[in-house]
PDB file of N, CA and C in Angstrom:
ATOM      1  N   MET A   1     -17.879 -23.816 -13.855  1.00  0.00           N
ATOM      2  CA  MET A   1     -17.054 -23.427 -12.555  1.00  0.00           C
ATOM      3  C   MET A   1     -17.099 -21.979 -11.957  1.00  0.00           C
ATOM      4  N   TYR A   2     -17.653 -21.782 -11.065  1.00  0.00           N
ATOM      5  CA  TYR A   2     -17.614 -20.502 -10.265  1.00  0.00           C
ATOM      6  C   TYR A   2     -16.524 -19.950  -9.551  1.00  0.00           C
ATOM      7  N   VAL A   3     -15.912 -18.663 -10.317  1.00  0.00           N
ATOM      8  CA  VAL A   3     -14.847 -17.971  -9.530  1.00  0.00           C
ATOM      9  C   VAL A   3     -15.462 -17.082  -8.697  1.00  0.00           C
ATOM     10  N   ILE A   4     -14.695 -16.927  -7.436  1.00  0.00           N
ATOM     11  CA  ILE A   4     -14.865 -15.763  -6.425  1.00  0.00           C
ATOM     12  C   ILE A   4     -14.269 -14.700  -6.903  1.00  0.00           C
ATOM     13  N   PRO A   5     -14.755 -13.465  -7.124  1.00  0.00           N
ATOM     14  CA  PRO A   5     -14.093 -12.489  -7.694  1.00  0.00           C
ATOM     15  C   PRO A   5     -13.189 -11.897  -6.615  1.00  0.00           C
ATOM     16  N   ARG A   6     -12.148 -11.338  -6.941  1.00  0.00           N
ATOM     17  CA  ARG A   6     -11.309 -10.953  -6.007  1.00  0.00           C
ATOM     18  C   ARG A   6     -11.666  -9.259  -5.652  1.00  0.00           C
ATOM     19  N   LYS A   7     -11.348  -8.960  -4.248  1.00  0.00           N
ATOM     20  CA  LYS A   7     -11.586  -7.594  -4.066  1.00  0.00           C
ATOM     21  C   LYS A   7     -10.725  -6.825  -4.331  1.00  0.00           C
ATOM     22  N   LYS A   8     -11.150  -5.594  -4.549  1.00  0.00           N
ATOM     23  CA  LYS A   8     -10.173  -4.624  -5.252  1.00  0.00           C
ATOM     24  C   LYS A   8      -9.604  -3.966  -4.108  1.00  0.00           C
ATOM     25  N   ARG A   9      -8.242  -3.801  -4.249  1.00  0.00           N
ATOM     26  CA  ARG A   9      -7.355  -3.237  -3.238  1.00  0.00           C
ATOM     27  C   ARG A   9      -7.215  -1.770  -3.392  1.00  0.00           C
ATOM     28  N   LYS A  10      -8.082  -1.137  -2.485  1.00  0.00           N
ATOM     29  CA  LYS A  10      -7.750   0.191  -2.075  1.00  0.00           C
ATOM     30  C   LYS A  10      -7.293   0.412  -0.547  1.00  0.00           C
ATOM     31  N   SER A  11      -6.606   1.452  -0.765  1.00  0.00           N
ATOM     32  CA  SER A  11      -6.075   1.785   0.428  1.00  0.00           C
ATOM     33  C   SER A  11      -6.377   3.054   0.917  1.00  0.00           C
ATOM     34  N   GLU A  12      -6.148   3.278   2.358  1.00  0.00           N
ATOM     35  CA  GLU A  12      -6.771   4.455   2.828  1.00  0.00           C
ATOM     36  C   GLU A  12      -5.886   5.518   2.356  1.00  0.00           C
ATOM     37  N   ALA A  13      -4.546   5.728   1.857  1.00  0.00           N
ATOM     38  CA  ALA A  13      -3.779   6.839   1.354  1.00  0.00           C
ATOM     39  C   ALA A  13      -4.752   7.023  -0.254  1.00  0.00           C
ATOM     40  N   ILE A  14      -4.963   6.151  -0.943  1.00  0.00           N
ATOM     41  CA  ILE A  14      -5.730   6.267  -2.142  1.00  0.00           C
ATOM     42  C   ILE A  14      -7.235   6.765  -1.966  1.00  0.00           C
ATOM     43  N   GLU A  15      -7.714   6.174  -0.899  1.00  0.00           N
ATOM     44  CA  GLU A  15      -9.206   6.911  -0.700  1.00  0.00           C
ATOM     45  C   GLU A  15      -9.151   8.346  -0.268  1.00  0.00           C
ATOM     46  N   LYS A  16      -8.303   8.732   0.740  1.00  0.00           N
ATOM     47  CA  LYS A  16      -8.305  10.068   1.060  1.00  0.00           C
ATOM     48  C   LYS A  16      -7.746  11.017   0.013  1.00  0.00           C
ATOM     49  N   SER A  17      -6.878  10.657  -0.842  1.00  0.00           N
ATOM     50  CA  SER A  17      -6.223  11.530  -1.748  1.00  0.00           C
ATOM     51  C   SER A  17      -7.072  11.756  -2.955  1.00  0.00           C
ATOM     52  N   GLY A  18      -8.043  10.887  -3.053  1.00  0.00           N
ATOM     53  CA  GLY A  18      -8.846  10.605  -4.389  1.00  0.00           C
ATOM     54  C   GLY A  18      -9.499  12.085  -4.795  1.00  0.00           C
ATOM     55  N   LYS A  19      -9.985  12.626  -3.881  1.00  0.00           N
ATOM     56  CA  LYS A  19     -10.929  13.848  -3.916  1.00  0.00           C
ATOM     57  C   LYS A  19      -9.970  15.187  -3.970  1.00  0.00           C
ATOM     58  N   LEU A  20      -8.828  14.842  -3.273  1.00  0.00           N
ATOM     59  CA  LEU A  20      -7.965  16.041  -3.445  1.00  0.00           C
ATOM     60  C   LEU A  20      -7.346  16.367  -4.831  1.00  0.00           C
ATOM     61  N   PHE A  21      -7.047  14.990  -5.515  1.00  0.00           N
ATOM     62  CA  PHE A  21      -6.314  14.849  -6.733  1.00  0.00           C
ATOM     63  C   PHE A  21      -7.371  15.328  -7.834  1.00  0.00           C
ATOM     64  N   SER A  22      -8.529  15.182  -7.653  1.00  0.00           N
ATOM     65  CA  SER A  22      -9.728  15.307  -8.919  1.00  0.00           C
ATOM     66  C   SER A  22      -9.891  16.749  -9.047  1.00  0.00           C
ATOM     67  N   GLU A  23      -9.948  17.383  -7.493  1.00  0.00           N
ATOM     68  CA  GLU A  23     -10.055  18.891  -7.238  1.00  0.00           C
ATOM     69  C   GLU A  23      -8.808  19.702  -8.130  1.00  0.00           C
ATOM     70  N   ALA A  24      -7.586  19.200  -7.766  1.00  0.00           N
ATOM     71  CA  ALA A  24      -6.541  19.795  -8.065  1.00  0.00           C
ATOM     72  C   ALA A  24      -6.381  19.636  -9.582  1.00  0.00           C
ATOM     73  N   LEU A  25      -6.704  18.465 -10.028  1.00  0.00           N
ATOM     74  CA  LEU A  25      -6.799  18.435 -11.785  1.00  0.00           C
ATOM     75  C   LEU A  25      -7.920  19.429 -12.248  1.00  0.00           C
ATOM     76  N   HIS A  26      -8.754  19.359 -11.763  1.00  0.00           N
ATOM     77  CA  HIS A  26      -9.769  19.963 -12.259  1.00  0.00           C
ATOM     78  C   HIS A  26      -9.580  21.735 -12.344  1.00  0.00           C
ATOM     79  N   ASN A  27      -8.921  22.142 -11.297  1.00  0.00           N
ATOM     80  CA  ASN A  27      -8.337  23.384 -11.369  1.00  0.00           C
ATOM     81  C   ASN A  27      -7.118  23.467 -11.945  1.00  0.00           C
ATOM     82  N   LYS A  28      -6.594  22.552 -12.649  1.00  0.00           N
ATOM     83  CA  LYS A  28      -5.295  22.708 -13.374  1.00  0.00           C
ATOM     84  C   LYS A  28      -4.009  23.310 -12.392  1.00  0.00           C
ATOM     85  N   ASP A  29      -3.974  22.819 -11.308  1.00  0.00           N
ATOM     86  CA  ASP A  29      -3.067  23.039 -10.148  1.00  0.00           C
ATOM     87  C   ASP A  29      -2.081  21.814 -10.270  1.00  0.00           C
ATOM     88  N   TYR A  30      -1.250  21.572 -11.423  1.00  0.00           N
ATOM     89  CA  TYR A  30      -0.383  20.385 -11.694  1.00  0.00           C
ATOM     90  C   TYR A  30       0.810  20.197 -10.601  1.00  0.00           C
ATOM     91  N   GLU A  31       0.946  21.519  -9.826  1.00  0.00           N
ATOM     92  CA  GLU A  31       1.942  21.028  -8.743  1.00  0.00           C
ATOM     93  C   GLU A  31       1.082  20.337  -7.765  1.00  0.00           C
ATOM     94  N   LYS A  32       0.223  20.667  -7.443  1.00  0.00           N
ATOM     95  CA  LYS A  32      -0.465  19.849  -6.299  1.00  0.00           C
ATOM     96  C   LYS A  32      -1.037  18.601  -6.825  1.00  0.00           C
ATOM     97  N   VAL A  33      -1.397  18.380  -7.995  1.00  0.00           N
ATOM     98  CA  VAL A  33      -1.606  16.910  -8.429  1.00  0.00           C
ATOM     99  C   VAL A  33      -0.093  16.135  -8.289  1.00  0.00           C
ATOM    100  N   ALA A  34       0.842  16.689  -8.461  1.00  0.00           N
ATOM    101  CA  ALA A  34       2.299  15.807  -8.551  1.00  0.00           C
ATOM    102  C   ALA A  34       2.464  15.710  -6.995  1.00  0.00           C
ATOM    103  N   LEU A  35       2.155  16.666  -6.091  1.00  0.00           N
ATOM    104  CA  LEU A  35       2.327  16.397  -4.695  1.00  0.00           C
ATOM    105  C   LEU A  35       1.340  15.339  -4.116  1.00  0.00           C
ATOM    106  N   VAL A  36       0.263  15.278  -4.552  1.00  0.00           N
ATOM    107  CA  VAL A  36      -0.779  14.232  -4.201  1.00  0.00           C
ATOM    108  C   VAL A  36      -0.229  12.833  -4.655  1.00  0.00           C
ATOM    109  N   VAL A  37       0.159  12.803  -5.966  1.00  0.00           N
ATOM    110  CA  VAL A  37       0.682  11.588  -6.584  1.00  0.00           C
ATOM    111  C   VAL A  37       1.973  10.963  -5.661  1.00  0.00           C
ATOM    112  N   PHE A  38       2.935  12.029  -5.306  1.00  0.00           N
ATOM    113  CA  PHE A  38       4.282  11.690  -4.806  1.00  0.00           C
ATOM    114  C   PHE A  38       3.846  11.232  -3.279  1.00  0.00           C
ATOM    115  N   TRP A  39       3.100  11.811  -2.376  1.00  0.00           N
ATOM    116  CA  TRP A  39       2.751  11.312  -1.132  1.00  0.00           C
ATOM    117  C   TRP A  39       1.956  10.269  -1.126  1.00  0.00           C
ATOM    118  N   CYS A  40       1.208   9.985  -1.996  1.00  0.00           N
ATOM    119  CA  CYS A  40       0.276   8.775  -2.057  1.00  0.00           C
ATOM    120  C   CYS A  40       1.194   7.485  -2.486  1.00  0.00           C
ATOM    121  N   VAL A  41       2.065   7.707  -3.443  1.00  0.00           N
ATOM    122  CA  VAL A  41       2.923   6.826  -3.769  1.00  0.00           C
ATOM    123  C   VAL A  41       3.764   6.241  -2.577  1.00  0.00           C
ATOM    124  N   LEU A  42       4.440   7.428  -1.782  1.00  0.00           N
ATOM    125  CA  LEU A  42       5.160   7.292  -0.754  1.00  0.00           C
ATOM    126  C   LEU A  42       4.627   6.655   0.289  1.00  0.00           C
ATOM    127  N   LYS A  43       3.445   6.769   0.742  1.00  0.00           N
ATOM    128  CA  LYS A  43       2.756   6.220   1.906  1.00  0.00           C
ATOM    129  C   LYS A  43       2.665   4.624   1.543  1.00  0.00           C
ATOM    130  N   GLU A  44       2.211   4.446   0.201  1.00  0.00           N
ATOM    131  CA  GLU A  44       1.780   3.125  -0.320  1.00  0.00           C
ATOM    132  C   GLU A  44       3.386   2.125  -0.174  1.00  0.00           C
ATOM    133  N   PHE A  45       4.430   2.818  -0.681  1.00  0.00           N
ATOM    134  CA  PHE A  45       5.422   2.074  -0.515  1.00  0.00           C
ATOM    135  C   PHE A  45       5.845   1.808   0.777  1.00  0.00           C
ATOM    136  N   ALA A  46       5.978   2.837   1.560  1.00  0.00           N
ATOM    137  CA  ALA A  46       6.175   2.719   2.915  1.00  0.00           C
ATOM    138  C   ALA A  46       5.522   1.715   3.670  1.00  0.00           C
ATOM    139  N   TYR A  47       3.859   1.526   3.488  1.00  0.00           N
ATOM    140  CA  TYR A  47       3.240   0.505   4.202  1.00  0.00           C
ATOM    141  C   TYR A  47       3.463  -0.825   3.570  1.00  0.00           C
ATOM    142  N   GLU A  48       3.650  -0.928   2.193  1.00  0.00           N
ATOM    143  CA  GLU A  48       3.951  -2.256   1.618  1.00  0.00           C
ATOM    144  C   GLU A  48       5.343  -2.737   2.073  1.00  0.00           C
ATOM    145  N   GLY A  49       6.296  -1.885   2.229  1.00  0.00           N
ATOM    146  CA  GLY A  49       7.768  -2.225   2.587  1.00  0.00           C
ATOM    147  C   GLY A  49       7.633  -2.600   4.130  1.00  0.00           C
ATOM    148  N   ILE A  50       6.960  -1.780   4.920  1.00  0.00           N
ATOM    149  CA  ILE A  50       6.718  -2.371   6.553  1.00  0.00           C
ATOM    150  C   ILE A  50       6.282  -3.743   6.295  1.00  0.00           C
ATOM    151  N   MET A  51       4.950  -3.962   5.849  1.00  0.00           N
ATOM    152  CA  MET A  51       4.275  -5.327   5.726  1.00  0.00           C
ATOM    153  C   MET A  51       5.298  -6.300   5.228  1.00  0.00           C
ATOM    154  N   ASN A  52       5.955  -6.229   4.296  1.00  0.00           N
ATOM    155  CA  ASN A  52       6.790  -7.113   3.629  1.00  0.00           C
ATOM    156  C   ASN A  52       8.048  -7.453   4.644  1.00  0.00           C
ATOM    157  N   ALA A  53       8.381  -6.425   5.293  1.00  0.00           N
ATOM    158  CA  ALA A  53       9.472  -6.616   6.230  1.00  0.00           C
ATOM    159  C   ALA A  53       9.123  -7.483   7.368  1.00  0.00           C
ATOM    160  N   LEU A  54       7.991  -7.188   7.894  1.00  0.00           N
ATOM    161  CA  LEU A  54       7.159  -7.828   9.109  1.00  0.00           C
ATOM    162  C   LEU A  54       7.133  -9.432   8.526  1.00  0.00           C
ATOM    163  N   ASP A  55       6.556  -9.643   7.334  1.00  0.00           N
ATOM    164  CA  ASP A  55       6.390 -10.925   6.884  1.00  0.00           C
ATOM    165  C   ASP A  55       7.663 -11.794   6.917  1.00  0.00           C
ATOM    166  N   TYR A  56       8.596 -10.985   6.456  1.00  0.00           N
ATOM    167  CA  TYR A  56      10.031 -11.830   6.226  1.00  0.00           C
ATOM    168  C   TYR A  56      10.599 -12.227   7.723  1.00  0.00           C
ATOM    169  N   GLY A  57      10.395 -11.107   8.525  1.00  0.00           N
ATOM    170  CA  GLY A  57      11.075 -11.334   9.740  1.00  0.00           C
ATOM    171  C   GLY A  57      10.269 -12.464  10.428  1.00  0.00           C
ATOM    172  N   ASN A  58       8.835 -12.705  10.305  1.00  0.00           N
ATOM    173  CA  ASN A  58       8.175 -13.440  10.902  1.00  0.00           C
ATOM    174  C   ASN A  58       8.237 -14.938  10.326  1.00  0.00           C
ATOM    175  N   SER A  59       8.695 -14.896   9.014  1.00  0.00           N
ATOM    176  CA  SER A  59       8.977 -16.489   8.406  1.00  0.00           C
ATOM    177  C   SER A  59      10.407 -16.834   8.853  1.00  0.00           C
ATOM    178  N   PHE A  60      11.427 -15.878   8.959  1.00  0.00           N
ATOM    179  CA  PHE A  60      12.595 -16.123   9.476  1.00  0.00           C
ATOM    180  C   PHE A  60      12.455 -16.720  11.018  1.00  0.00           C
ATOM    181  N   TYR A  61      11.829 -16.181  11.742  1.00  0.00           N
ATOM    182  CA  TYR A  61      11.579 -16.871  13.314  1.00  0.00           C
ATOM    183  C   TYR A  61      10.819 -17.985  12.972  1.00  0.00           C
ATOM    184  N   GLU A  62       9.793 -18.370  12.132  1.00  0.00           N
ATOM    185  CA  GLU A  62       9.255 -19.538  12.210  1.00  0.00           C
ATOM    186  C   GLU A  62      10.242 -20.701  11.622  1.00  0.00           C
ATOM    187  N   ARG A  63      10.933 -20.120  10.688  1.00  0.00           N
ATOM    188  CA  ARG A  63      11.960 -21.193  10.187  1.00  0.00           C
ATOM    189  C   ARG A  63      13.035 -21.702  11.421  1.00  0.00           C
ATOM    190  N   LYS A  64      13.428 -20.612  12.062  1.00  0.00           N
ATOM    191  CA  LYS A  64      14.533 -20.795  12.944  1.00  0.00           C
ATOM    192  C   LYS A  64      13.947 -21.708  14.247  1.00  0.00           C
ATOM    193  N   LYS A  65      12.430 -21.625  14.387  1.00  0.00           N
ATOM    194  CA  LYS A  65      11.862 -22.237  15.518  1.00  0.00           C
ATOM    195  C   LYS A  65      11.779 -23.721  15.215  1.00  0.00           C
ATOM    196  N   PHE A  66      11.488 -24.014  13.908  1.00  0.00           N
ATOM    197  CA  PHE A  66      11.337 -25.400  13.319  1.00  0.00           C
ATOM    198  C   PHE A  66      12.599 -25.994  13.192  1.00  0.00           C
ATOM    199  N   ARG A  67      13.725 -25.092  12.979  1.00  0.00           N
ATOM    200  CA  ARG A  67      15.058 -25.996  12.931  1.00  0.00           C
ATOM    201  C   ARG A  67      15.427 -26.497  14.467  1.00  0.00           C
ATOM    202  N   ARG A  68      15.063 -25.744  15.418  1.00  0.00           N
ATOM    203  CA  ARG A  68      15.461 -25.839  16.598  1.00  0.00           C
ATOM    204  C   ARG A  68      14.460 -26.780  17.315  1.00  0.00           C
ATOM    205  N   GLY A  69      13.515 -27.001  16.763  1.00  0.00           N
ATOM    206  CA  GLY A  69      12.216 -27.986  17.300  1.00  0.00           C
ATOM    207  C   GLY A  69      11.658 -27.189  18.651  1.00  0.00           C
ATOM    208  N   LEU A  70      11.723 -26.058  18.643  1.00  0.00           N
ATOM    209  CA  LEU A  70      10.961 -25.352  19.783  1.00  0.00           C
ATOM    210  C   LEU A  70       9.296 -25.515  19.724  1.00  0.00           C
TER     211      LEU A  70
END
């Protein structure tokens, strides 16, 4: 049985902050490391939260449309 491998999830926020994170870690600037991690996590959660809210709203609309027979 052949299984198609899943694509790795890489977001824009992680891609952009990767180099900055590694440079700050190399220079032992731990405050900058913490800021990069904080903002990256914040961007990811904000994006995921917005997408989940839109999905929920769309599914609510579809169920409402189905019930009314539109």
